[in-house]
Amino acid sequence: MRRVWGTALALGSLAMAGCFGPNQYEKQADMVTKAIVANDMRPVEKDFNALVRPKLESKARVGALSDSLTALGAFKGAKENTPANAPPRSHKFDAAFDKATWIECMTYDEDGKISAFDVLPPGQHCPRM
């Protein structure tokens, strides 16, 4: 009887783990993706390190990516799928849209700021992994 309860408790814990929603990195990837789609990086620019921030100010650069993502339909969310052997502070996501799922790669610096954020079409690989 004790073994049955132990197994049931373990299975229940595993089932509950998937019910807690997105992790902190998924939430941040969602916010950055939504900012890109809106072609307005101001809501998330404080999350990027000082070296990357000037790139966010380029409406043309962000706008081109925004156009590509908008063509994919509504953004449904990012789900982390970082490989176990990924470098420290590197995260990989599947970014789901109505018409396709693209790849997002996010790298943090030592201060916890985003030092790189790549959005790639299916079949591509994160440049820093």
N, C-alpha and C. Protein backbone atom coordinates (compact mmCIF):
# COMPACT_ATOMS: atom_id res chain seq x y z
N MET A 1 0.82 -1.18 0.00
CA MET A 1 0.00 0.00 0.00
C MET A 1 0.87 1.25 0.00
N ARG A 2 1.94 1.21 0.79
CA ARG A 2 2.85 2.35 0.87
C ARG A 2 3.49 2.62 -0.49
N ARG A 3 3.85 1.56 -1.21
CA ARG A 3 4.46 1.71 -2.54
C ARG A 3 3.47 2.34 -3.52
N VAL A 4 2.21 1.96 -3.45
CA VAL A 4 1.18 2.51 -4.33
C VAL A 4 1.04 4.00 -4.08
N TRP A 5 0.99 4.41 -2.81
CA TRP A 5 0.86 5.83 -2.50
C TRP A 5 2.09 6.60 -2.94
N GLY A 6 3.25 6.03 -2.79
CA GLY A 6 4.48 6.69 -3.22
C GLY A 6 4.50 6.89 -4.73
N THR A 7 4.08 5.87 -5.46
CA THR A 7 4.01 5.98 -6.92
C THR A 7 2.96 7.00 -7.33
N ALA A 8 1.81 6.98 -6.69
CA ALA A 8 0.75 7.93 -7.01
C ALA A 8 1.20 9.36 -6.72
N LEU A 9 1.90 9.55 -5.62
CA LEU A 9 2.40 10.88 -5.27
C LEU A 9 3.42 11.36 -6.30
N ALA A 10 4.31 10.48 -6.71
CA ALA A 10 5.31 10.85 -7.71
C ALA A 10 4.66 11.20 -9.04
N LEU A 11 3.69 10.42 -9.48
CA LEU A 11 3.00 10.71 -10.73
C LEU A 11 2.21 12.01 -10.64
N GLY A 12 1.60 12.25 -9.50
CA GLY A 12 0.85 13.48 -9.30
C GLY A 12 1.76 14.69 -9.35
N SER A 13 2.94 14.58 -8.77
CA SER A 13 3.91 15.68 -8.79
C SER A 13 4.35 15.98 -10.22
N LEU A 14 4.60 14.95 -11.00
CA LEU A 14 4.98 15.15 -12.39
C LEU A 14 3.87 15.81 -13.19
N ALA A 15 2.65 15.39 -12.95
CA ALA A 15 1.51 15.98 -13.67
C ALA A 15 1.35 17.45 -13.30
N MET A 16 1.54 17.78 -12.05
CA MET A 16 1.40 19.16 -11.59
C MET A 16 2.51 20.05 -12.12
N ALA A 17 3.68 19.50 -12.36
CA ALA A 17 4.80 20.31 -12.85
C ALA A 17 4.47 20.99 -14.17
N GLY A 18 3.68 20.35 -14.98
CA GLY A 18 3.30 20.94 -16.26
C GLY A 18 2.17 21.95 -16.15
N CYS A 19 1.61 22.12 -14.98
CA CYS A 19 0.45 23.01 -14.79
C CYS A 19 0.83 24.40 -14.31
N PHE A 20 2.07 24.64 -14.06
CA PHE A 20 2.47 25.92 -13.47
C PHE A 20 2.73 27.01 -14.49
N GLY A 21 2.57 26.72 -15.76
CA GLY A 21 2.75 27.74 -16.78
C GLY A 21 4.20 27.96 -17.16
N PRO A 22 4.42 29.04 -17.90
CA PRO A 22 5.76 29.29 -18.44
C PRO A 22 6.78 29.62 -17.37
N ASN A 23 8.04 29.24 -17.62
CA ASN A 23 9.10 29.60 -16.69
C ASN A 23 9.53 31.05 -16.96
N GLN A 24 10.45 31.57 -16.17
CA GLN A 24 10.85 32.98 -16.30
C GLN A 24 11.45 33.29 -17.66
N TYR A 25 12.16 32.35 -18.25
CA TYR A 25 12.78 32.58 -19.55
C TYR A 25 11.73 32.58 -20.66
N GLU A 26 10.75 31.69 -20.55
CA GLU A 26 9.66 31.67 -21.52
C GLU A 26 8.87 32.98 -21.45
N LYS A 27 8.63 33.47 -20.24
CA LYS A 27 7.91 34.73 -20.08
C LYS A 27 8.67 35.87 -20.74
N GLN A 28 10.00 35.89 -20.54
CA GLN A 28 10.79 36.96 -21.13
C GLN A 28 10.85 36.82 -22.65
N ALA A 29 10.99 35.60 -23.15
CA ALA A 29 10.97 35.39 -24.61
C ALA A 29 9.62 35.83 -25.19
N ASP A 30 8.54 35.54 -24.48
CA ASP A 30 7.21 35.99 -24.93
C ASP A 30 7.15 37.51 -25.03
N MET A 31 7.65 38.19 -24.00
CA MET A 31 7.60 39.66 -23.98
C MET A 31 8.42 40.26 -25.12
N VAL A 32 9.62 39.70 -25.36
CA VAL A 32 10.47 40.20 -26.43
C VAL A 32 9.82 39.94 -27.79
N THR A 33 9.26 38.75 -27.97
CA THR A 33 8.61 38.42 -29.24
C THR A 33 7.42 39.35 -29.49
N LYS A 34 6.62 39.60 -28.49
CA LYS A 34 5.48 40.51 -28.64
C LYS A 34 5.96 41.92 -28.98
N ALA A 35 7.07 42.35 -28.39
CA ALA A 35 7.62 43.68 -28.70
C ALA A 35 8.10 43.73 -30.15
N ILE A 36 8.73 42.65 -30.62
CA ILE A 36 9.19 42.60 -32.01
C ILE A 36 7.99 42.67 -32.95
N VAL A 37 6.96 41.86 -32.69
CA VAL A 37 5.77 41.85 -33.54
C VAL A 37 5.14 43.24 -33.59
N ALA A 38 5.13 43.94 -32.46
CA ALA A 38 4.56 45.29 -32.39
C ALA A 38 5.50 46.35 -32.97
N ASN A 39 6.73 45.96 -33.31
CA ASN A 39 7.76 46.88 -33.80
C ASN A 39 7.98 48.03 -32.82
N ASP A 40 7.98 47.67 -31.54
CA ASP A 40 8.21 48.64 -30.47
C ASP A 40 8.96 47.95 -29.34
N MET A 41 10.27 48.14 -29.32
CA MET A 41 11.11 47.46 -28.35
C MET A 41 11.20 48.18 -27.00
N ARG A 42 10.58 49.35 -26.89
CA ARG A 42 10.67 50.11 -25.64
C ARG A 42 10.25 49.33 -24.40
N PRO A 43 9.19 48.52 -24.46
CA PRO A 43 8.80 47.81 -23.24
C PRO A 43 9.84 46.82 -22.71
N VAL A 44 10.76 46.36 -23.56
CA VAL A 44 11.73 45.35 -23.13
C VAL A 44 13.18 45.83 -23.23
N GLU A 45 13.42 47.06 -23.67
CA GLU A 45 14.81 47.47 -23.91
C GLU A 45 15.65 47.45 -22.63
N LYS A 46 15.05 47.64 -21.47
CA LYS A 46 15.79 47.59 -20.20
C LYS A 46 16.29 46.18 -19.89
N ASP A 47 15.70 45.17 -20.53
CA ASP A 47 16.11 43.78 -20.32
C ASP A 47 17.37 43.41 -21.09
N PHE A 48 17.77 44.27 -22.05
CA PHE A 48 18.94 44.02 -22.88
C PHE A 48 20.15 44.77 -22.32
N ASN A 49 21.34 44.22 -22.54
CA ASN A 49 22.54 44.91 -22.07
C ASN A 49 22.84 46.13 -22.96
N ALA A 50 23.71 46.99 -22.47
CA ALA A 50 23.99 48.26 -23.13
C ALA A 50 24.56 48.09 -24.54
N LEU A 51 25.26 47.01 -24.80
CA LEU A 51 25.85 46.79 -26.12
C LEU A 51 24.79 46.45 -27.17
N VAL A 52 23.71 45.85 -26.75
CA VAL A 52 22.67 45.41 -27.69
C VAL A 52 21.61 46.49 -27.88
N ARG A 53 21.39 47.32 -26.88
CA ARG A 53 20.30 48.31 -26.94
C ARG A 53 20.28 49.17 -28.20
N PRO A 54 21.42 49.65 -28.72
CA PRO A 54 21.35 50.47 -29.94
C PRO A 54 20.72 49.73 -31.13
N LYS A 55 20.88 48.43 -31.22
CA LYS A 55 20.27 47.66 -32.31
C LYS A 55 18.75 47.67 -32.20
N LEU A 56 18.24 47.79 -30.97
CA LEU A 56 16.79 47.79 -30.75
C LEU A 56 16.15 49.07 -31.25
N GLU A 57 16.94 50.13 -31.36
CA GLU A 57 16.42 51.43 -31.77
C GLU A 57 16.24 51.55 -33.28
N SER A 58 16.74 50.57 -34.02
CA SER A 58 16.62 50.59 -35.47
C SER A 58 15.23 50.09 -35.87
N LYS A 59 14.33 51.03 -36.16
CA LYS A 59 12.97 50.66 -36.56
C LYS A 59 12.99 49.82 -37.84
N ALA A 60 13.93 50.10 -38.74
CA ALA A 60 14.00 49.34 -39.99
C ALA A 60 14.40 47.90 -39.71
N ARG A 61 15.39 47.70 -38.86
CA ARG A 61 15.87 46.35 -38.54
C ARG A 61 14.79 45.55 -37.82
N VAL A 62 14.22 46.15 -36.78
CA VAL A 62 13.18 45.47 -36.02
C VAL A 62 11.92 45.33 -36.89
N GLY A 63 11.65 46.35 -37.71
CA GLY A 63 10.47 46.33 -38.57
C GLY A 63 10.48 45.19 -39.57
N ALA A 64 11.62 44.91 -40.14
CA ALA A 64 11.73 43.79 -41.10
C ALA A 64 11.40 42.47 -40.41
N LEU A 65 11.94 42.28 -39.20
CA LEU A 65 11.64 41.06 -38.46
C LEU A 65 10.17 41.04 -38.03
N SER A 66 9.66 42.19 -37.64
CA SER A 66 8.25 42.31 -37.27
C SER A 66 7.36 41.88 -38.43
N ASP A 67 7.68 42.35 -39.63
CA ASP A 67 6.89 41.97 -40.82
C ASP A 67 6.91 40.46 -41.04
N SER A 68 8.09 39.86 -40.87
CA SER A 68 8.21 38.41 -41.06
C SER A 68 7.36 37.65 -40.05
N LEU A 69 7.40 38.08 -38.80
CA LEU A 69 6.65 37.37 -37.75
C LEU A 69 5.15 37.63 -37.86
N THR A 70 4.77 38.84 -38.21
CA THR A 70 3.35 39.16 -38.36
C THR A 70 2.72 38.31 -39.46
N ALA A 71 3.47 38.01 -40.50
CA ALA A 71 2.97 37.17 -41.59
C ALA A 71 2.67 35.74 -41.12
N LEU A 72 3.20 35.35 -39.97
CA LEU A 72 2.98 34.00 -39.45
C LEU A 72 1.68 33.87 -38.67
N GLY A 73 0.95 34.96 -38.51
CA GLY A 73 -0.30 34.92 -37.76
C GLY A 73 -0.09 35.24 -36.29
N ALA A 74 -1.07 34.95 -35.50
CA ALA A 74 -1.03 35.28 -34.07
C ALA A 74 0.07 34.50 -33.35
N PHE A 75 0.75 35.18 -32.44
CA PHE A 75 1.77 34.55 -31.62
C PHE A 75 1.08 33.80 -30.49
N LYS A 76 1.42 32.52 -30.34
CA LYS A 76 0.80 31.67 -29.33
C LYS A 76 1.65 31.51 -28.08
N GLY A 77 2.96 31.74 -28.19
CA GLY A 77 3.84 31.62 -27.03
C GLY A 77 5.11 30.87 -27.34
N ALA A 78 6.08 31.05 -26.46
CA ALA A 78 7.38 30.38 -26.60
C ALA A 78 7.48 29.27 -25.56
N LYS A 79 7.98 28.14 -25.99
CA LYS A 79 8.18 26.99 -25.11
C LYS A 79 9.66 26.64 -25.12
N GLU A 80 10.27 26.64 -23.95
CA GLU A 80 11.71 26.38 -23.87
C GLU A 80 12.03 24.93 -24.21
N ASN A 81 13.08 24.76 -25.01
CA ASN A 81 13.59 23.43 -25.31
C ASN A 81 15.12 23.48 -25.40
N THR A 82 15.72 24.10 -24.40
CA THR A 82 17.17 24.25 -24.35
C THR A 82 17.83 22.88 -24.21
N PRO A 83 18.78 22.57 -25.08
CA PRO A 83 19.48 21.29 -24.96
C PRO A 83 20.27 21.21 -23.65
N ALA A 84 20.42 20.01 -23.13
CA ALA A 84 21.14 19.81 -21.87
C ALA A 84 22.59 20.26 -21.96
N ASN A 85 23.17 20.21 -23.15
CA ASN A 85 24.58 20.57 -23.30
C ASN A 85 24.76 22.02 -23.76
N ALA A 86 23.73 22.83 -23.64
CA ALA A 86 23.83 24.24 -24.07
C ALA A 86 24.80 25.00 -23.16
N PRO A 87 25.47 26.00 -23.70
CA PRO A 87 26.36 26.82 -22.88
C PRO A 87 25.59 27.50 -21.75
N PRO A 88 26.27 27.83 -20.67
CA PRO A 88 25.61 28.52 -19.57
C PRO A 88 24.95 29.82 -20.04
N ARG A 89 23.82 30.14 -19.47
CA ARG A 89 23.07 31.38 -19.74
C ARG A 89 22.48 31.43 -21.15
N SER A 90 22.42 30.29 -21.84
CA SER A 90 21.85 30.22 -23.19
C SER A 90 20.55 29.44 -23.14
N HIS A 91 19.54 29.93 -23.87
CA HIS A 91 18.22 29.29 -23.86
C HIS A 91 17.69 29.24 -25.29
N LYS A 92 16.99 28.15 -25.58
CA LYS A 92 16.40 27.95 -26.91
C LYS A 92 14.90 27.73 -26.73
N PHE A 93 14.11 28.29 -27.64
CA PHE A 93 12.66 28.20 -27.56
C PHE A 93 12.04 27.85 -28.91
N ASP A 94 10.90 27.22 -28.85
CA ASP A 94 10.03 27.08 -30.01
C ASP A 94 8.99 28.17 -29.88
N ALA A 95 8.96 29.10 -30.82
CA ALA A 95 8.01 30.20 -30.81
C ALA A 95 6.87 29.86 -31.75
N ALA A 96 5.72 29.56 -31.18
CA ALA A 96 4.58 29.09 -31.97
C ALA A 96 3.72 30.26 -32.45
N PHE A 97 3.43 30.25 -33.73
CA PHE A 97 2.52 31.19 -34.37
C PHE A 97 1.43 30.36 -35.04
N ASP A 98 0.38 31.02 -35.53
CA ASP A 98 -0.70 30.30 -36.20
C ASP A 98 -0.21 29.45 -37.37
N LYS A 99 0.71 30.00 -38.17
CA LYS A 99 1.10 29.35 -39.42
C LYS A 99 2.43 28.62 -39.38
N ALA A 100 3.21 28.80 -38.35
CA ALA A 100 4.52 28.15 -38.28
C ALA A 100 5.09 28.27 -36.88
N THR A 101 6.11 27.48 -36.61
CA THR A 101 6.85 27.58 -35.36
C THR A 101 8.29 27.92 -35.71
N TRP A 102 8.75 29.05 -35.21
CA TRP A 102 10.12 29.50 -35.44
C TRP A 102 10.96 29.20 -34.21
N ILE A 103 12.25 29.42 -34.33
CA ILE A 103 13.21 29.14 -33.26
C ILE A 103 13.69 30.47 -32.68
N GLU A 104 13.76 30.54 -31.37
CA GLU A 104 14.32 31.72 -30.71
C GLU A 104 15.46 31.28 -29.81
N CYS A 105 16.51 32.09 -29.83
CA CYS A 105 17.69 31.80 -29.03
C CYS A 105 18.00 33.05 -28.20
N MET A 106 18.15 32.86 -26.89
CA MET A 106 18.39 33.99 -26.01
C MET A 106 19.61 33.68 -25.14
N THR A 107 20.53 34.65 -25.07
CA THR A 107 21.73 34.50 -24.26
C THR A 107 21.79 35.66 -23.28
N TYR A 108 22.13 35.35 -22.05
CA TYR A 108 22.26 36.36 -21.00
C TYR A 108 23.73 36.63 -20.70
N ASP A 109 24.02 37.86 -20.29
CA ASP A 109 25.37 38.17 -19.84
C ASP A 109 25.48 37.86 -18.34
N GLU A 110 26.62 38.15 -17.76
CA GLU A 110 26.86 37.85 -16.35
C GLU A 110 25.97 38.65 -15.41
N ASP A 111 25.43 39.77 -15.89
CA ASP A 111 24.57 40.61 -15.06
C ASP A 111 23.09 40.27 -15.21
N GLY A 112 22.78 39.22 -15.98
CA GLY A 112 21.40 38.81 -16.15
C GLY A 112 20.65 39.59 -17.22
N LYS A 113 21.37 40.36 -18.03
CA LYS A 113 20.75 41.11 -19.14
C LYS A 113 20.88 40.29 -20.42
N ILE A 114 19.93 40.47 -21.34
CA ILE A 114 19.98 39.76 -22.61
C ILE A 114 21.12 40.33 -23.45
N SER A 115 22.04 39.47 -23.85
CA SER A 115 23.16 39.91 -24.68
C SER A 115 22.97 39.50 -26.15
N ALA A 116 22.04 38.60 -26.40
CA ALA A 116 21.71 38.20 -27.78
C ALA A 116 20.32 37.59 -27.79
N PHE A 117 19.58 37.93 -28.84
CA PHE A 117 18.24 37.34 -29.04
C PHE A 117 18.06 37.15 -30.53
N ASP A 118 17.99 35.91 -30.95
CA ASP A 118 17.86 35.58 -32.37
C ASP A 118 16.50 34.93 -32.61
N VAL A 119 15.88 35.30 -33.71
CA VAL A 119 14.63 34.69 -34.16
C VAL A 119 14.90 34.10 -35.53
N LEU A 120 14.72 32.79 -35.65
CA LEU A 120 15.14 32.08 -36.85
C LEU A 120 14.00 31.24 -37.43
N PRO A 121 13.98 31.12 -38.76
CA PRO A 121 12.97 30.24 -39.37
C PRO A 121 13.24 28.77 -39.03
N PRO A 122 12.25 27.92 -39.20
CA PRO A 122 12.43 26.49 -38.92
C PRO A 122 13.62 25.92 -39.67
N GLY A 123 14.29 24.98 -39.03
CA GLY A 123 15.42 24.31 -39.67
C GLY A 123 16.77 24.98 -39.40
N GLN A 124 16.77 26.17 -38.86
CA GLN A 124 18.02 26.85 -38.53
C GLN A 124 18.45 26.48 -37.11
N HIS A 125 19.69 26.82 -36.78
CA HIS A 125 20.22 26.48 -35.46
C HIS A 125 20.69 27.73 -34.74
N CYS A 126 20.58 27.71 -33.45
CA CYS A 126 21.04 28.84 -32.65
C CYS A 126 22.53 29.05 -32.86
N PRO A 127 22.95 30.26 -33.16
CA PRO A 127 24.36 30.50 -33.48
C PRO A 127 25.32 30.30 -32.31
N ARG A 128 24.85 30.41 -31.10
CA ARG A 128 25.74 30.28 -29.95
C ARG A 128 25.56 28.97 -29.20
N MET A 129 24.97 27.98 -29.87
CA MET A 129 24.78 26.66 -29.22
C MET A 129 25.41 25.59 -30.05
